[in-house]
Amino acid sequence: YRPGVATELLGRCPYFEVYRMLLNTQRRQIVKYRADSLSFRVL
């Protein structure tokens, strides 16, 4: 848990990982998101 978001690991293999991400922000609340320098992300 982080303010506004919860994540859960669903599965992984040597090539990728899949998480479930629940976003629930209030009026002015935002969640920062960024891919690391080594790999892409797909939402």
All heavy atoms as atom14 arrays in JSON, in Angstrom:
{
  "sequence": "YRPGVATELLGRCPYFEVYRMLLNTQRRQIVKYRADSLSFRVL",
  "atom14_mask": [
    [1, 1, 1, 1, 1, 1, 1, 1, 1, 1, 1, 1, 0, 0],
    [1, 1, 1, 1, 1, 1, 1, 1, 1, 1, 1, 0, 0, 0],
    [1, 1, 1, 1, 1, 1, 1, 0, 0, 0, 0, 0, 0, 0],
    [1, 1, 1, 1, 0, 0, 0, 0, 0, 0, 0, 0, 0, 0],
    [1, 1, 1, 1, 1, 1, 1, 0, 0, 0, 0, 0, 0, 0],
    [1, 1, 1, 1, 1, 0, 0, 0, 0, 0, 0, 0, 0, 0],
    [1, 1, 1, 1, 1, 1, 1, 0, 0, 0, 0, 0, 0, 0],
    [1, 1, 1, 1, 1, 1, 1, 1, 1, 0, 0, 0, 0, 0],
    [1, 1, 1, 1, 1, 1, 1, 1, 0, 0, 0, 0, 0, 0],
    [1, 1, 1, 1, 1, 1, 1, 1, 0, 0, 0, 0, 0, 0],
    [1, 1, 1, 1, 0, 0, 0, 0, 0, 0, 0, 0, 0, 0],
    [1, 1, 1, 1, 1, 1, 1, 1, 1, 1, 1, 0, 0, 0],
    [1, 1, 1, 1, 1, 1, 0, 0, 0, 0, 0, 0, 0, 0],
    [1, 1, 1, 1, 1, 1, 1, 0, 0, 0, 0, 0, 0, 0],
    [1, 1, 1, 1, 1, 1, 1, 1, 1, 1, 1, 1, 0, 0],
    [1, 1, 1, 1, 1, 1, 1, 1, 1, 1, 1, 0, 0, 0],
    [1, 1, 1, 1, 1, 1, 1, 1, 1, 0, 0, 0, 0, 0],
    [1, 1, 1, 1, 1, 1, 1, 0, 0, 0, 0, 0, 0, 0],
    [1, 1, 1, 1, 1, 1, 1, 1, 1, 1, 1, 1, 0, 0],
    [1, 1, 1, 1, 1, 1, 1, 1, 1, 1, 1, 0, 0, 0],
    [1, 1, 1, 1, 1, 1, 1, 1, 0, 0, 0, 0, 0, 0],
    [1, 1, 1, 1, 1, 1, 1, 1, 0, 0, 0, 0, 0, 0],
    [1, 1, 1, 1, 1, 1, 1, 1, 0, 0, 0, 0, 0, 0],
    [1, 1, 1, 1, 1, 1, 1, 1, 0, 0, 0, 0, 0, 0],
    [1, 1, 1, 1, 1, 1, 1, 0, 0, 0, 0, 0, 0, 0],
    [1, 1, 1, 1, 1, 1, 1, 1, 1, 0, 0, 0, 0, 0],
    [1, 1, 1, 1, 1, 1, 1, 1, 1, 1, 1, 0, 0, 0],
    [1, 1, 1, 1, 1, 1, 1, 1, 1, 1, 1, 0, 0, 0],
    [1, 1, 1, 1, 1, 1, 1, 1, 1, 0, 0, 0, 0, 0],
    [1, 1, 1, 1, 1, 1, 1, 1, 0, 0, 0, 0, 0, 0],
    [1, 1, 1, 1, 1, 1, 1, 0, 0, 0, 0, 0, 0, 0],
    [1, 1, 1, 1, 1, 1, 1, 1, 1, 0, 0, 0, 0, 0],
    [1, 1, 1, 1, 1, 1, 1, 1, 1, 1, 1, 1, 0, 0],
    [1, 1, 1, 1, 1, 1, 1, 1, 1, 1, 1, 0, 0, 0],
    [1, 1, 1, 1, 1, 0, 0, 0, 0, 0, 0, 0, 0, 0],
    [1, 1, 1, 1, 1, 1, 1, 1, 0, 0, 0, 0, 0, 0],
    [1, 1, 1, 1, 1, 1, 0, 0, 0, 0, 0, 0, 0, 0],
    [1, 1, 1, 1, 1, 1, 1, 1, 0, 0, 0, 0, 0, 0],
    [1, 1, 1, 1, 1, 1, 0, 0, 0, 0, 0, 0, 0, 0],
    [1, 1, 1, 1, 1, 1, 1, 1, 1, 1, 1, 0, 0, 0],
    [1, 1, 1, 1, 1, 1, 1, 1, 1, 1, 1, 0, 0, 0],
    [1, 1, 1, 1, 1, 1, 1, 0, 0, 0, 0, 0, 0, 0],
    [1, 1, 1, 1, 1, 1, 1, 1, 0, 0, 0, 0, 0, 0]
  ],
  "atom14_positions": [
    [[0.82, -1.2, 0.0], [0.0, 0.0, 0.0], [0.86, 1.25, 0.0], [1.88, 1.31, 0.68], [-0.89, 0.04, 1.25], [-1.92, -1.05, 1.28], [-1.71, -2.2, 2.02], [-3.1, -0.93, 0.57], [-2.65, -3.21, 2.06], [-4.05, -1.94, 0.6], [-3.82, -3.07, 1.34], [-4.75, -4.06, 1.37], [0.0, 0.0, 0.0], [0.0, 0.0, 0.0]],
    [[0.44, 2.23, -0.79], [0.95, 3.6, -0.75], [-0.3, 4.47, -0.79], [-1.35, 4.01, -1.22], [1.8, 3.92, -1.99], [3.05, 3.14, -2.09], [3.98, 3.63, -3.22], [3.36, 4.43, -4.26], [3.46, 4.18, -5.56], [4.12, 3.15, -5.98], [2.89, 4.97, -6.43], [0.0, 0.0, 0.0], [0.0, 0.0, 0.0], [0.0, 0.0, 0.0]],
    [[-0.19, 5.71, -0.41], [-1.39, 6.57, -0.48], [-1.95, 6.59, -1.91], [-1.27, 6.94, -2.86], [-0.86, 7.95, -0.07], [0.32, 7.65, 0.8], [0.93, 6.4, 0.21], [0.0, 0.0, 0.0], [0.0, 0.0, 0.0], [0.0, 0.0, 0.0], [0.0, 0.0, 0.0], [0.0, 0.0, 0.0], [0.0, 0.0, 0.0], [0.0, 0.0, 0.0]],
    [[-3.19, 6.15, -2.05], [-3.87, 6.18, -3.33], [-3.71, 4.95, -4.2], [-4.36, 4.83, -5.23], [0.0, 0.0, 0.0], [0.0, 0.0, 0.0], [0.0, 0.0, 0.0], [0.0, 0.0, 0.0], [0.0, 0.0, 0.0], [0.0, 0.0, 0.0], [0.0, 0.0, 0.0], [0.0, 0.0, 0.0], [0.0, 0.0, 0.0], [0.0, 0.0, 0.0]],
    [[-2.85, 3.99, -3.81], [-2.61, 2.82, -4.68], [-2.2, 1.61, -3.84], [-1.53, 1.73, -2.83], [-1.54, 3.14, -5.76], [-0.17, 3.33, -5.15], [-1.52, 2.1, -6.83], [0.0, 0.0, 0.0], [0.0, 0.0, 0.0], [0.0, 0.0, 0.0], [0.0, 0.0, 0.0], [0.0, 0.0, 0.0], [0.0, 0.0, 0.0], [0.0, 0.0, 0.0]],
    [[-2.66, 0.44, -4.3], [-2.25, -0.83, -3.71], [-1.8, -1.74, -4.86], [-2.4, -1.72, -5.94], [-3.39, -1.48, -2.95], [0.0, 0.0, 0.0], [0.0, 0.0, 0.0], [0.0, 0.0, 0.0], [0.0, 0.0, 0.0], [0.0, 0.0, 0.0], [0.0, 0.0, 0.0], [0.0, 0.0, 0.0], [0.0, 0.0, 0.0], [0.0, 0.0, 0.0]],
    [[-0.75, -2.53, -4.65], [-0.27, -3.45, -5.68], [-0.15, -4.86, -5.1], [0.11, -5.03, -3.91], [1.1, -3.03, -6.25], [2.05, -2.94, -5.18], [1.02, -1.71, -6.98], [0.0, 0.0, 0.0], [0.0, 0.0, 0.0], [0.0, 0.0, 0.0], [0.0, 0.0, 0.0], [0.0, 0.0, 0.0], [0.0, 0.0, 0.0], [0.0, 0.0, 0.0]],
    [[-0.35, -5.83, -5.98], [-0.27, -7.24, -5.59], [0.41, -8.0, -6.73], [0.01, -7.88, -7.89], [-1.67, -7.78, -5.37], [-1.74, -9.26, -5.17], [-3.18, -9.77, -5.16], [-4.09, -9.08, -5.64], [-3.36, -10.9, -4.69], [0.0, 0.0, 0.0], [0.0, 0.0, 0.0], [0.0, 0.0, 0.0], [0.0, 0.0, 0.0], [0.0, 0.0, 0.0]],
    [[1.43, -8.78, -6.4], [2.1, -9.61, -7.4], [1.2, -10.78, -7.78], [0.75, -11.53, -6.92], [3.43, -10.14, -6.86], [4.21, -11.08, -7.77], [4.65, -10.38, -9.04], [5.4, -11.67, -7.03], [0.0, 0.0, 0.0], [0.0, 0.0, 0.0], [0.0, 0.0, 0.0], [0.0, 0.0, 0.0], [0.0, 0.0, 0.0], [0.0, 0.0, 0.0]],
    [[0.89, -10.91, -9.07], [0.05, -12.01, -9.54], [0.87, -13.18, -10.08], [0.48, -14.33, -9.96], [-0.9, -11.52, -10.64], [-1.92, -10.48, -10.24], [-2.76, -10.07, -11.44], [-2.8, -10.97, -9.11], [0.0, 0.0, 0.0], [0.0, 0.0, 0.0], [0.0, 0.0, 0.0], [0.0, 0.0, 0.0], [0.0, 0.0, 0.0], [0.0, 0.0, 0.0]],
    [[2.0, -12.88, -10.72], [2.83, -13.94, -11.27], [4.13, -13.4, -11.83], [4.24, -12.22, -12.13], [0.0, 0.0, 0.0], [0.0, 0.0, 0.0], [0.0, 0.0, 0.0], [0.0, 0.0, 0.0], [0.0, 0.0, 0.0], [0.0, 0.0, 0.0], [0.0, 0.0, 0.0], [0.0, 0.0, 0.0], [0.0, 0.0, 0.0], [0.0, 0.0, 0.0]],
    [[5.1, -14.29, -11.95], [6.4, -13.89, -12.51], [7.05, -15.06, -13.2], [6.75, -16.23, -12.89], [7.31, -13.3, -11.45], [7.86, -14.29, -10.45], [9.0, -13.77, -9.58], [8.82, -12.44, -9.11], [8.97, -12.04, -7.85], [9.32, -12.92, -6.93], [8.78, -10.81, -7.49], [0.0, 0.0, 0.0], [0.0, 0.0, 0.0], [0.0, 0.0, 0.0]],
    [[7.88, -14.74, -14.16], [8.7, -15.71, -14.87], [10.04, -15.04, -15.13], [10.23, -13.88, -14.75], [8.02, -16.17, -16.16], [8.03, -14.95, -17.47], [0.0, 0.0, 0.0], [0.0, 0.0, 0.0], [0.0, 0.0, 0.0], [0.0, 0.0, 0.0], [0.0, 0.0, 0.0], [0.0, 0.0, 0.0], [0.0, 0.0, 0.0], [0.0, 0.0, 0.0]],
    [[11.01, -15.7, -15.77], [12.3, -15.06, -16.01], [12.23, -13.81, -16.89], [13.16, -13.01, -16.91], [13.12, -16.14, -16.69], [12.49, -17.43, -16.3], [11.03, -17.12, -16.14], [0.0, 0.0, 0.0], [0.0, 0.0, 0.0], [0.0, 0.0, 0.0], [0.0, 0.0, 0.0], [0.0, 0.0, 0.0], [0.0, 0.0, 0.0], [0.0, 0.0, 0.0]],
    [[11.13, -13.61, -17.61], [11.06, -12.53, -18.59], [10.21, -11.33, -18.16], [10.42, -10.23, -18.65], [10.53, -13.07, -19.92], [11.32, -14.26, -20.38], [10.8, -15.53, -20.29], [12.61, -14.1, -20.86], [11.53, -16.64, -20.69], [13.36, -15.19, -21.26], [12.81, -16.46, -21.17], [13.56, -17.53, -21.55], [0.0, 0.0, 0.0], [0.0, 0.0, 0.0]],
    [[9.23, -11.53, -17.31], [8.38, -10.43, -16.88], [7.66, -10.77, -15.58], [7.63, -11.93, -15.16], [7.38, -10.02, -17.96], [6.41, -11.1, -18.35], [5.21, -11.24, -17.68], [6.7, -11.97, -19.38], [4.32, -12.24, -18.03], [5.82, -12.97, -19.75], [4.62, -13.1, -19.07], [0.0, 0.0, 0.0], [0.0, 0.0, 0.0], [0.0, 0.0, 0.0]],
    [[7.08, -9.74, -14.96], [6.24, -9.88, -13.78], [4.91, -9.19, -14.06], [4.86, -8.2, -14.79], [6.88, -9.19, -12.57], [8.2, -9.77, -12.17], [8.86, -8.98, -11.05], [8.55, -7.78, -10.88], [9.69, -9.57, -10.36], [0.0, 0.0, 0.0], [0.0, 0.0, 0.0], [0.0, 0.0, 0.0], [0.0, 0.0, 0.0], [0.0, 0.0, 0.0]],
    [[3.84, -9.71, -13.45], [2.52, -9.1, -13.6], [1.98, -8.77, -12.22], [1.92, -9.63, -11.34], [1.53, -10.03, -14.34], [0.16, -9.39, -14.45], [2.06, -10.39, -15.72], [0.0, 0.0, 0.0], [0.0, 0.0, 0.0], [0.0, 0.0, 0.0], [0.0, 0.0, 0.0], [0.0, 0.0, 0.0], [0.0, 0.0, 0.0], [0.0, 0.0, 0.0]],
    [[1.6, -7.51, -12.05], [1.03, -7.03, -10.81], [-0.4, -6.56, -11.06], [-0.72, -6.1, -12.16], [1.82, -5.85, -10.26], [3.19, -6.21, -9.75], [4.26, -6.34, -10.63], [3.42, -6.41, -8.4], [5.52, -6.66, -10.17], [4.68, -6.73, -7.93], [5.73, -6.86, -8.82], [6.97, -7.19, -8.36], [0.0, 0.0, 0.0], [0.0, 0.0, 0.0]],
    [[-1.22, -6.65, -10.04], [-2.53, -5.99, -10.07], [-2.36, -4.7, -9.3], [-1.82, -4.68, -8.19], [-3.59, -6.85, -9.4], [-4.97, -6.2, -9.42], [-6.02, -7.16, -8.94], [-5.82, -7.49, -7.55], [-6.77, -7.42, -6.61], [-7.99, -7.09, -6.95], [-6.51, -7.73, -5.38], [0.0, 0.0, 0.0], [0.0, 0.0, 0.0], [0.0, 0.0, 0.0]],
    [[-2.77, -3.59, -9.9], [-2.62, -2.28, -9.27], [-4.0, -1.65, -9.14], [-4.72, -1.5, -10.12], [-1.72, -1.38, -10.12], [-1.43, -0.05, -9.49], [-0.13, 0.88, -10.32], [-1.02, 1.51, -11.71], [0.0, 0.0, 0.0], [0.0, 0.0, 0.0], [0.0, 0.0, 0.0], [0.0, 0.0, 0.0], [0.0, 0.0, 0.0], [0.0, 0.0, 0.0]],
    [[-4.36, -1.32, -7.91], [-5.64, -0.68, -7.61], [-5.38, 0.8, -7.33], [-4.71, 1.13, -6.36], [-6.31, -1.33, -6.41], [-6.58, -2.83, -6.54], [-7.02, -3.41, -5.21], [-7.6, -3.08, -7.62], [0.0, 0.0, 0.0], [0.0, 0.0, 0.0], [0.0, 0.0, 0.0], [0.0, 0.0, 0.0], [0.0, 0.0, 0.0], [0.0, 0.0, 0.0]],
    [[-5.91, 1.64, -8.19], [-5.74, 3.09, -8.07], [-7.03, 3.66, -7.5], [-8.12, 3.41, -8.04], [-5.45, 3.7, -9.44], [-5.32, 5.2, -9.54], [-4.04, 5.67, -8.84], [-5.32, 5.64, -10.99], [0.0, 0.0, 0.0], [0.0, 0.0, 0.0], [0.0, 0.0, 0.0], [0.0, 0.0, 0.0], [0.0, 0.0, 0.0], [0.0, 0.0, 0.0]],
    [[-6.94, 4.42, -6.43], [-8.11, 5.03, -5.82], [-7.68, 6.36, -5.21], [-7.28, 6.42, -4.05], [-8.72, 4.13, -4.75], [-10.04, 4.66, -4.24], [-10.58, 5.62, -4.77], [-10.55, 4.04, -3.19], [0.0, 0.0, 0.0], [0.0, 0.0, 0.0], [0.0, 0.0, 0.0], [0.0, 0.0, 0.0], [0.0, 0.0, 0.0], [0.0, 0.0, 0.0]],
    [[-7.74, 7.42, -6.01], [-7.29, 8.73, -5.54], [-8.48, 9.63, -5.27], [-9.55, 9.48, -5.85], [-6.37, 9.4, -6.57], [-7.06, 9.51, -7.81], [-5.11, 8.58, -6.79], [0.0, 0.0, 0.0], [0.0, 0.0, 0.0], [0.0, 0.0, 0.0], [0.0, 0.0, 0.0], [0.0, 0.0, 0.0], [0.0, 0.0, 0.0], [0.0, 0.0, 0.0]],
    [[-8.26, 10.55, -4.38], [-9.28, 11.55, -4.05], [-9.14, 12.73, -5.0], [-8.37, 12.69, -5.94], [-9.11, 11.99, -2.59], [-9.15, 10.85, -1.61], [-10.48, 10.11, -1.62], [-11.54, 10.72, -1.76], [-10.45, 8.8, -1.47], [0.0, 0.0, 0.0], [0.0, 0.0, 0.0], [0.0, 0.0, 0.0], [0.0, 0.0, 0.0], [0.0, 0.0, 0.0]],
    [[-9.86, 13.79, -4.74], [-9.88, 14.95, -5.63], [-8.49, 15.45, -6.03], [-8.2, 15.61, -7.2], [-10.62, 16.11, -4.99], [-12.08, 15.94, -5.02], [-12.72, 17.17, -4.48], [-14.16, 17.01, -4.58], [-15.0, 17.97, -4.4], [-14.57, 19.16, -4.09], [-16.29, 17.75, -4.5], [0.0, 0.0, 0.0], [0.0, 0.0, 0.0], [0.0, 0.0, 0.0]],
    [[-7.66, 15.77, -5.09], [-6.36, 16.37, -5.39], [-5.21, 15.39, -5.27], [-4.07, 15.74, -5.55], [-6.12, 17.56, -4.48], [-7.13, 18.64, -4.72], [-6.85, 19.84, -3.9], [-7.89, 20.83, -4.18], [-8.15, 21.84, -3.41], [-7.45, 22.02, -2.32], [-9.09, 22.69, -3.73], [0.0, 0.0, 0.0], [0.0, 0.0, 0.0], [0.0, 0.0, 0.0]],
    [[-5.47, 14.21, -4.83], [-4.42, 13.22, -4.64], [-4.0, 12.64, -5.99], [-4.83, 12.38, -6.85], [-4.92, 12.11, -3.73], [-3.88, 11.1, -3.37], [-4.48, 10.02, -2.48], [-5.67, 9.75, -2.54], [-3.66, 9.43, -1.65], [0.0, 0.0, 0.0], [0.0, 0.0, 0.0], [0.0, 0.0, 0.0], [0.0, 0.0, 0.0], [0.0, 0.0, 0.0]],
    [[-2.69, 12.45, -6.18], [-2.17, 11.82, -7.39], [-1.17, 10.76, -6.98], [-0.63, 10.78, -5.89], [-1.5, 12.83, -8.35], [-0.36, 13.56, -7.64], [-2.49, 13.79, -8.94], [0.48, 14.4, -8.54], [0.0, 0.0, 0.0], [0.0, 0.0, 0.0], [0.0, 0.0, 0.0], [0.0, 0.0, 0.0], [0.0, 0.0, 0.0], [0.0, 0.0, 0.0]],
    [[-0.93, 9.81, -7.87], [0.04, 8.75, -7.64], [1.15, 8.9, -8.68], [0.88, 9.02, -9.87], [-0.63, 7.36, -7.76], [0.4, 6.26, -7.74], [-1.65, 7.17, -6.66], [0.0, 0.0, 0.0], [0.0, 0.0, 0.0], [0.0, 0.0, 0.0], [0.0, 0.0, 0.0], [0.0, 0.0, 0.0], [0.0, 0.0, 0.0], [0.0, 0.0, 0.0]],
    [[2.39, 8.92, -8.22], [3.53, 9.0, -9.13], [3.86, 7.59, -9.64], [3.82, 6.63, -8.87], [4.74, 9.59, -8.43], [4.54, 11.02, -8.02], [5.76, 11.54, -7.3], [5.53, 12.97, -6.84], [6.68, 13.5, -6.12], [0.0, 0.0, 0.0], [0.0, 0.0, 0.0], [0.0, 0.0, 0.0], [0.0, 0.0, 0.0], [0.0, 0.0, 0.0]],
    [[4.19, 7.5, -10.92], [4.49, 6.2, -11.53], [5.62, 6.39, -12.52], [5.64, 7.36, -13.27], [3.24, 5.67, -12.25], [3.42, 4.3, -12.85], [3.2, 3.17, -12.08], [3.83, 4.14, -14.16], [3.38, 1.91, -12.62], [4.0, 2.89, -14.71], [3.77, 1.77, -13.93], [3.95, 0.53, -14.47], [0.0, 0.0, 0.0], [0.0, 0.0, 0.0]],
    [[6.56, 5.44, -12.53], [7.7, 5.55, -13.44], [8.28, 4.17, -13.7], [8.38, 3.34, -12.81], [8.76, 6.44, -12.81], [9.91, 6.69, -13.71], [10.9, 7.63, -13.1], [11.82, 8.02, -14.15], [12.58, 9.06, -14.1], [12.55, 9.84, -13.05], [13.4, 9.33, -15.08], [0.0, 0.0, 0.0], [0.0, 0.0, 0.0], [0.0, 0.0, 0.0]],
    [[8.7, 3.93, -14.94], [9.42, 2.7, -15.27], [10.88, 2.9, -14.87], [11.4, 4.02, -14.9], [9.32, 2.42, -16.77], [0.0, 0.0, 0.0], [0.0, 0.0, 0.0], [0.0, 0.0, 0.0], [0.0, 0.0, 0.0], [0.0, 0.0, 0.0], [0.0, 0.0, 0.0], [0.0, 0.0, 0.0], [0.0, 0.0, 0.0], [0.0, 0.0, 0.0]],
    [[11.54, 1.81, -14.49], [12.95, 1.94, -14.14], [13.81, 2.07, -15.4], [13.3, 2.03, -16.52], [13.41, 0.79, -13.25], [13.28, -0.56, -13.9], [13.27, -0.64, -15.14], [13.18, -1.56, -13.18], [0.0, 0.0, 0.0], [0.0, 0.0, 0.0], [0.0, 0.0, 0.0], [0.0, 0.0, 0.0], [0.0, 0.0, 0.0], [0.0, 0.0, 0.0]],
    [[15.1, 2.2, -15.21], [15.99, 2.42, -16.36], [16.28, 1.15, -17.15], [16.83, 1.23, -18.25], [17.3, 3.05, -15.89], [17.96, 2.16, -15.01], [0.0, 0.0, 0.0], [0.0, 0.0, 0.0], [0.0, 0.0, 0.0], [0.0, 0.0, 0.0], [0.0, 0.0, 0.0], [0.0, 0.0, 0.0], [0.0, 0.0, 0.0], [0.0, 0.0, 0.0]],
    [[15.9, -0.02, -16.64], [16.25, -1.28, -17.29], [15.15, -1.88, -18.15], [15.43, -2.64, -19.07], [16.67, -2.31, -16.24], [17.86, -1.93, -15.38], [18.1, -2.99, -14.32], [19.09, -1.72, -16.24], [0.0, 0.0, 0.0], [0.0, 0.0, 0.0], [0.0, 0.0, 0.0], [0.0, 0.0, 0.0], [0.0, 0.0, 0.0], [0.0, 0.0, 0.0]],
    [[13.89, -1.57, -17.84], [12.82, -2.25, -18.58], [11.57, -1.38, -18.73], [11.37, -0.43, -17.98], [12.45, -3.56, -17.89], [11.91, -3.31, -16.62], [0.0, 0.0, 0.0], [0.0, 0.0, 0.0], [0.0, 0.0, 0.0], [0.0, 0.0, 0.0], [0.0, 0.0, 0.0], [0.0, 0.0, 0.0], [0.0, 0.0, 0.0], [0.0, 0.0, 0.0]],
    [[10.75, -1.74, -19.68], [9.5, -1.04, -19.95], [8.42, -1.5, -18.98], [8.59, -2.47, -18.25], [9.06, -1.32, -21.39], [8.7, -2.76, -21.62], [7.41, -3.21, -21.41], [9.65, -3.67, -22.04], [7.06, -4.54, -21.61], [9.33, -5.01, -22.24], [8.03, -5.43, -22.03], [0.0, 0.0, 0.0], [0.0, 0.0, 0.0], [0.0, 0.0, 0.0]],
    [[7.28, -0.83, -19.05], [6.09, -1.22, -18.32], [4.89, -1.1, -19.25], [4.88, -0.28, -20.16], [5.83, -0.32, -17.11], [6.97, -0.23, -16.12], [6.73, -1.11, -14.95], [7.83, -1.08, -14.02], [7.78, -0.5, -12.82], [6.7, 0.12, -12.44], [8.82, -0.55, -12.02], [0.0, 0.0, 0.0], [0.0, 0.0, 0.0], [0.0, 0.0, 0.0]],
    [[3.89, -1.92, -19.02], [2.62, -1.83, -19.74], [1.52, -1.77, -18.69], [1.47, -2.61, -17.79], [2.4, -3.04, -20.68], [1.02, -2.99, -21.3], [3.49, -3.1, -21.73], [0.0, 0.0, 0.0], [0.0, 0.0, 0.0], [0.0, 0.0, 0.0], [0.0, 0.0, 0.0], [0.0, 0.0, 0.0], [0.0, 0.0, 0.0], [0.0, 0.0, 0.0]],
    [[0.66, -0.77, -18.8], [-0.49, -0.65, -17.92], [-1.74, -0.95, -18.72], [-2.06, -0.25, -19.68], [-0.59, 0.77, -17.35], [0.47, 1.18, -16.36], [0.31, 2.65, -15.99], [0.41, 0.31, -15.12], [0.0, 0.0, 0.0], [0.0, 0.0, 0.0], [0.0, 0.0, 0.0], [0.0, 0.0, 0.0], [0.0, 0.0, 0.0], [0.0, 0.0, 0.0]]
  ]
}
